[in-house]
Amino acid sequence: MKTDLLIGQYPGADSAPLFIAMERGFFKEEGLNVKQEPIQAPQAVLPKLSNGSMDIVLGSYATILVIQEQGTEKFKYIADSYQGAAGAFGIMVKKDSPIKQVGDLKGKKIGVNALKGLGTLTMNPHFKIAGLDPDKDIAYTEVPTTNWLSSLDKGDVDAVWMTDPYVSEAKKTLGATMLLDTMSGPTDGLPITGWAATEKWVQTNPKTLAAFQRAMAKAQNIAATDRSAVTKVLPTFTKIPAETAATINLGAYPTSLSAQRIQRVADLMLESKMLTQKLDVSSMIYSASQG
């Protein structure tokens, strides 16, 4: 059994269960030695996942589905991580911004961490409702997560799609406001991120995978039931100070992996033309019986 693992994680609230599992020794109990590496998006570490130097990755369902359709790599989902909740994901504008409603974003630049990812996916349906064409009326600009606050502050972009804890930090340090909650209406409670591994990795390492799943299930359960465990661990791997972490809006931590829930993301992506054909998500869910 492979025991040394490198895990790619996104430095946000989504990854809190991984750090809870590391801190509380859940991986060690399973005989695993886990190291982690912060990533911007799964696309950036595809070569590492393909050559096996990185084992498991946290990715938004949207980005993994895009990679899956393109066929650059084939993934299996191995655990759910994070689900949207009110106030935790949205379009942020500066304190004295002339942008007062969604319609005002016409012709404006919006910063987002991935041009084809969760941000654009959850904004587009809201733009359509406001009568905007996301392709023609919005200039999406790629801004790394770590630069979200500075690019909004400097005015490099007119607005930035952010996730908490960055939402709270932008409110606190910049006096920014949320123009639109992108986990409301058509995108209410949308699945956000999950843990994935390549099909090849999953087939080669069934015992390692089972051990990883057991350790993560324990941590996920803690995150789902004990908010303070999440807010305590956040400052250890994000740049968010403890006092901001204590008050942020958290999404939900689902304790089971449901193809039906994730199918909603794939269907929304097809509607947004981020996918070209209907993708059956159930074929991407790993179950031990396949192993």
Protein backbone atom coordinates (compact mmCIF):
# COMPACT_ATOMS: atom_id res chain seq x y z
CA MET A 1 0.00 0.00 0.00
CA LYS A 2 1.24 3.47 -0.90
CA THR A 3 1.58 5.44 2.36
CA ASP A 4 3.20 8.77 1.37
CA LEU A 5 0.66 11.11 -0.17
CA LEU A 6 0.82 14.62 -1.64
CA ILE A 7 -2.57 16.34 -1.63
CA GLY A 8 -3.37 19.48 -3.64
CA GLN A 9 -5.64 21.79 -1.67
CA TYR A 10 -7.32 25.10 -2.33
CA PRO A 11 -6.55 27.54 0.52
CA GLY A 12 -10.12 28.30 1.56
CA ALA A 13 -12.75 26.97 3.94
CA ASP A 14 -13.23 23.99 1.55
CA SER A 15 -9.92 22.48 2.72
CA ALA A 16 -10.54 22.79 6.46
CA PRO A 17 -11.39 19.06 6.89
CA LEU A 18 -8.02 18.06 5.38
CA PHE A 19 -6.19 20.17 7.97
CA ILE A 20 -8.42 18.90 10.77
CA ALA A 21 -7.51 15.33 9.71
CA MET A 22 -3.80 16.18 9.62
CA GLU A 23 -3.84 18.03 12.94
CA ARG A 24 -5.79 15.34 14.79
CA GLY A 25 -3.72 12.46 13.47
CA PHE A 26 -6.52 10.76 11.51
CA PHE A 27 -4.21 10.00 8.57
CA LYS A 28 -1.47 8.64 10.85
CA GLU A 29 -4.03 6.30 12.45
CA GLU A 30 -4.64 4.92 8.97
CA GLY A 31 -0.90 4.50 8.33
CA LEU A 32 -0.74 7.45 5.91
CA ASN A 33 1.90 10.16 5.80
CA VAL A 34 0.15 13.14 4.21
CA LYS A 35 1.78 16.30 2.86
CA GLN A 36 -0.23 19.10 1.25
CA GLU A 37 0.46 21.76 -1.36
CA PRO A 38 -1.69 24.87 -1.98
CA ILE A 39 -2.97 25.09 -5.55
CA GLN A 40 -4.79 27.70 -7.62
CA ALA A 41 -6.94 25.27 -9.63
CA PRO A 42 -6.63 21.60 -10.66
CA GLN A 43 -5.59 22.57 -14.22
CA ALA A 44 -2.35 23.99 -12.84
CA VAL A 45 -1.31 20.64 -11.33
CA LEU A 46 -2.61 18.27 -14.02
CA PRO A 47 0.92 17.13 -15.02
CA LYS A 48 1.66 16.20 -11.38
CA LEU A 49 -1.60 14.28 -11.07
CA SER A 50 -1.00 12.51 -14.38
CA ASN A 51 2.56 11.45 -13.53
CA GLY A 52 1.61 10.45 -9.98
CA SER A 53 3.78 12.98 -8.12
CA MET A 54 0.52 14.40 -6.67
CA ASP A 55 -2.04 11.85 -5.51
CA ILE A 56 -5.32 13.58 -4.72
CA VAL A 57 -6.64 17.04 -5.50
CA LEU A 58 -9.39 19.30 -4.24
CA GLY A 59 -11.14 20.95 -7.15
CA SER A 60 -14.37 22.76 -7.80
CA TYR A 61 -16.81 20.37 -9.43
CA ALA A 62 -16.90 22.80 -12.36
CA THR A 63 -13.16 22.67 -13.13
CA ILE A 64 -12.92 18.88 -12.79
CA LEU A 65 -15.93 18.42 -15.11
CA VAL A 66 -14.30 20.67 -17.75
CA ILE A 67 -11.10 18.60 -17.60
CA GLN A 68 -13.16 15.41 -17.79
CA GLU A 69 -14.96 16.54 -20.93
CA GLN A 70 -11.77 17.73 -22.61
CA GLY A 71 -10.31 14.28 -21.96
CA THR A 72 -6.92 15.63 -20.83
CA GLU A 73 -7.33 13.42 -17.75
CA LYS A 74 -10.03 11.12 -16.40
CA PHE A 75 -11.05 11.64 -12.79
CA LYS A 76 -13.05 9.86 -10.12
CA TYR A 77 -14.67 11.77 -7.27
CA ILE A 78 -13.68 10.14 -4.00
CA ALA A 79 -15.23 12.46 -1.35
CA ASP A 80 -17.45 15.53 -1.23
CA SER A 81 -15.98 18.59 0.41
CA TYR A 82 -18.04 21.74 0.40
CA GLN A 83 -21.47 23.05 -0.52
CA GLY A 84 -22.67 26.62 -0.99
CA ALA A 85 -24.50 28.61 1.65
CA ALA A 86 -25.86 32.15 1.84
CA GLY A 87 -23.31 34.96 2.24
CA ALA A 88 -20.22 32.87 1.59
CA PHE A 89 -19.79 33.34 -2.20
CA GLY A 90 -20.46 36.48 -4.18
CA ILE A 91 -19.48 39.48 -6.27
CA MET A 92 -17.70 42.09 -4.17
CA VAL A 93 -17.40 45.78 -5.06
CA LYS A 94 -15.37 48.57 -3.48
CA LYS A 95 -16.66 50.87 -0.78
CA ASP A 96 -17.55 53.82 -3.05
CA SER A 97 -18.18 51.81 -6.20
CA PRO A 98 -20.64 53.32 -8.71
CA ILE A 99 -21.84 49.73 -9.29
CA LYS A 100 -25.05 49.49 -7.27
CA GLN A 101 -26.92 46.68 -9.01
CA VAL A 102 -26.13 43.69 -11.21
CA GLY A 103 -27.11 45.57 -14.40
CA ASP A 104 -24.34 48.12 -13.68
CA LEU A 105 -21.74 45.41 -14.41
CA LYS A 106 -22.35 45.75 -18.15
CA GLY A 107 -18.97 46.30 -19.84
CA LYS A 108 -17.13 45.94 -16.53
CA LYS A 109 -14.17 43.78 -15.51
CA ILE A 110 -14.82 41.05 -12.95
CA GLY A 111 -11.93 39.21 -11.31
CA VAL A 112 -12.34 35.45 -10.89
CA ASN A 113 -9.83 32.73 -9.97
CA ALA A 114 -10.64 30.56 -13.02
CA LEU A 115 -12.22 31.71 -16.29
CA LYS A 116 -14.10 28.43 -16.55
CA GLY A 117 -14.88 27.55 -12.98
CA LEU A 118 -17.28 27.91 -10.10
CA GLY A 119 -17.23 31.72 -10.15
CA THR A 120 -18.34 32.18 -13.75
CA LEU A 121 -20.71 29.22 -13.45
CA THR A 122 -22.57 30.75 -10.51
CA MET A 123 -22.53 34.33 -11.83
CA ASN A 124 -23.84 33.61 -15.36
CA PRO A 125 -27.42 32.57 -14.45
CA HIS A 126 -27.78 35.74 -12.36
CA PHE A 127 -26.52 37.92 -15.23
CA LYS A 128 -29.08 36.35 -17.56
CA ILE A 129 -31.84 37.16 -15.06
CA ALA A 130 -30.58 40.79 -15.04
CA GLY A 131 -30.73 40.87 -18.86
CA LEU A 132 -26.96 40.71 -19.42
CA ASP A 133 -25.17 38.40 -21.85
CA PRO A 134 -22.17 37.00 -19.91
CA ASP A 135 -20.22 36.47 -23.17
CA LYS A 136 -20.67 39.99 -24.53
CA ASP A 137 -21.39 42.21 -21.54
CA ILE A 138 -18.88 40.97 -18.96
CA ALA A 139 -15.08 41.01 -19.13
CA TYR A 140 -13.97 38.15 -16.88
CA THR A 141 -10.34 38.55 -15.80
CA GLU A 142 -8.26 35.87 -14.11
CA VAL A 143 -7.10 36.97 -10.65
CA PRO A 144 -5.40 34.48 -8.30
CA THR A 145 -7.21 33.99 -4.99
CA THR A 146 -4.34 35.52 -3.03
CA ASN A 147 -4.65 38.77 -5.09
CA TRP A 148 -8.44 39.13 -4.82
CA LEU A 149 -8.33 41.88 -2.20
CA SER A 150 -5.41 43.83 -3.65
CA SER A 151 -6.79 43.83 -7.21
CA LEU A 152 -10.15 45.13 -5.99
CA ASP A 153 -8.45 47.71 -3.80
CA LYS A 154 -6.16 48.96 -6.60
CA GLY A 155 -9.00 49.05 -9.11
CA ASP A 156 -7.36 46.59 -11.52
CA VAL A 157 -10.89 45.18 -11.84
CA ASP A 158 -14.32 46.68 -11.12
CA ALA A 159 -15.53 43.75 -9.02
CA VAL A 160 -14.19 40.41 -7.78
CA TRP A 161 -16.02 37.13 -7.27
CA MET A 162 -14.90 35.94 -3.84
CA THR A 163 -15.48 33.12 -1.42
CA ASP A 164 -15.37 33.44 2.32
CA PRO A 165 -13.04 33.91 4.28
CA TYR A 166 -11.98 36.49 1.63
CA VAL A 167 -15.50 37.98 1.53
CA SER A 168 -15.31 38.82 5.25
CA GLU A 169 -11.75 40.11 4.99
CA ALA A 170 -12.73 42.40 2.06
CA LYS A 171 -15.64 43.78 4.07
CA LYS A 172 -13.47 44.32 7.10
CA THR A 173 -10.30 45.75 5.55
CA LEU A 174 -11.66 47.46 2.41
CA GLY A 175 -15.23 48.28 3.43
CA ALA A 176 -16.28 46.27 0.36
CA THR A 177 -19.89 45.15 -0.09
CA MET A 178 -21.47 42.11 -1.67
CA LEU A 179 -23.33 43.15 -4.79
CA LEU A 180 -24.70 39.67 -5.46
CA ASP A 181 -24.84 36.47 -3.44
CA THR A 182 -24.00 33.80 -6.01
CA MET A 183 -25.42 31.00 -3.83
CA SER A 184 -29.00 32.22 -4.07
CA GLY A 185 -31.90 31.69 -6.45
CA PRO A 186 -30.87 29.42 -9.36
CA THR A 187 -27.58 28.52 -7.65
CA ASP A 188 -28.85 28.05 -4.09
CA GLY A 189 -26.96 25.32 -2.13
CA LEU A 190 -24.85 24.30 -5.12
CA PRO A 191 -22.09 21.70 -4.54
CA ILE A 192 -18.75 23.52 -4.63
CA THR A 193 -15.69 21.33 -4.33
CA GLY A 194 -14.80 17.69 -3.99
CA TRP A 195 -11.74 15.46 -3.67
CA ALA A 196 -10.71 13.71 -6.85
CA ALA A 197 -8.01 11.33 -8.08
CA THR A 198 -7.23 10.06 -11.56
CA GLU A 199 -8.88 6.82 -12.68
CA LYS A 200 -5.42 5.29 -12.97
CA TRP A 201 -4.49 6.26 -9.40
CA VAL A 202 -7.77 4.95 -8.02
CA GLN A 203 -7.30 1.58 -9.75
CA THR A 204 -3.69 1.26 -8.59
CA ASN A 205 -4.20 2.31 -4.95
CA PRO A 206 -7.53 0.96 -3.62
CA LYS A 207 -6.25 0.38 -0.07
CA THR A 208 -4.63 3.83 0.16
CA LEU A 209 -7.83 5.37 -1.16
CA ALA A 210 -9.98 3.56 1.42
CA ALA A 211 -7.65 4.75 4.20
CA PHE A 212 -7.81 8.34 2.90
CA GLN A 213 -11.61 8.17 2.73
CA ARG A 214 -11.91 6.86 6.29
CA ALA A 215 -9.66 9.60 7.72
CA MET A 216 -11.43 12.34 5.73
CA ALA A 217 -14.90 11.06 6.70
CA LYS A 218 -14.00 11.56 10.38
CA ALA A 219 -12.73 15.09 9.73
CA GLN A 220 -15.68 15.96 7.46
CA ASN A 221 -18.04 14.90 10.22
CA ILE A 222 -16.29 17.22 12.68
CA ALA A 223 -16.44 20.13 10.19
CA ALA A 224 -20.15 19.45 9.60
CA THR A 225 -21.06 19.49 13.29
CA ASP A 226 -18.47 21.75 14.96
CA ARG A 227 -18.06 25.17 13.37
CA SER A 228 -15.33 26.18 15.83
CA ALA A 229 -13.10 23.33 14.62
CA VAL A 230 -13.19 24.93 11.16
CA THR A 231 -12.65 28.52 12.29
CA LYS A 232 -9.74 27.44 14.50
CA VAL A 233 -7.90 25.65 11.71
CA LEU A 234 -8.49 28.28 8.97
CA PRO A 235 -5.77 30.78 10.03
CA THR A 236 -3.20 27.96 9.99
CA PHE A 237 -3.33 27.60 6.19
CA THR A 238 -4.90 30.81 4.84
CA LYS A 239 -3.82 34.42 5.30
CA ILE A 240 -7.02 35.06 7.23
CA PRO A 241 -6.56 36.35 10.78
CA ALA A 242 -8.28 34.42 13.58
CA GLU A 243 -10.75 37.20 14.39
CA THR A 244 -12.04 37.26 10.78
CA ALA A 245 -12.16 33.46 10.64
CA ALA A 246 -14.33 33.42 13.76
CA THR A 247 -17.12 35.38 12.06
CA ILE A 248 -17.11 34.17 8.46
CA ASN A 249 -20.07 32.69 6.60
CA LEU A 250 -19.33 29.04 6.10
CA GLY A 251 -20.78 26.74 3.48
CA ALA A 252 -21.90 23.23 4.39
CA TYR A 253 -19.70 20.13 4.68
CA PRO A 254 -21.71 17.23 3.17
CA THR A 255 -20.91 13.85 4.72
CA SER A 256 -21.84 11.76 1.69
CA LEU A 257 -20.97 11.87 -2.00
CA SER A 258 -24.15 12.19 -4.09
CA ALA A 259 -24.12 11.90 -7.88
CA GLN A 260 -27.54 13.53 -7.99
CA ARG A 261 -26.32 16.69 -6.22
CA ILE A 262 -23.24 17.00 -8.43
CA GLN A 263 -25.31 16.36 -11.57
CA ARG A 264 -26.91 19.76 -10.89
CA VAL A 265 -23.49 21.37 -11.48
CA ALA A 266 -22.97 19.49 -14.76
CA ASP A 267 -26.44 20.45 -16.01
CA LEU A 268 -25.90 24.10 -15.11
CA MET A 269 -22.56 23.98 -16.96
CA LEU A 270 -24.23 22.60 -20.07
CA GLU A 271 -26.72 25.46 -19.91
CA SER A 272 -23.82 27.95 -19.57
CA LYS A 273 -22.01 26.29 -22.52
CA MET A 274 -19.08 25.40 -20.21
CA LEU A 275 -19.73 21.82 -21.27
CA THR A 276 -20.67 20.90 -24.83
CA GLN A 277 -22.69 17.77 -24.03
CA LYS A 278 -24.58 16.22 -21.13
CA LEU A 279 -22.16 14.52 -18.76
CA ASP A 280 -23.33 11.64 -16.57
CA VAL A 281 -21.74 12.34 -13.19
CA SER A 282 -22.61 8.94 -11.67
CA SER A 283 -19.92 7.34 -13.85
CA MET A 284 -17.33 9.55 -12.13
CA ILE A 285 -18.22 8.60 -8.55
CA TYR A 286 -15.82 6.06 -7.08
CA SER A 287 -17.39 3.24 -5.13
CA ALA A 288 -15.38 0.51 -3.46
CA SER A 289 -17.20 -2.15 -5.51
CA GLN A 290 -15.39 -0.82 -8.60
CA GLY A 291 -12.04 -1.06 -6.84
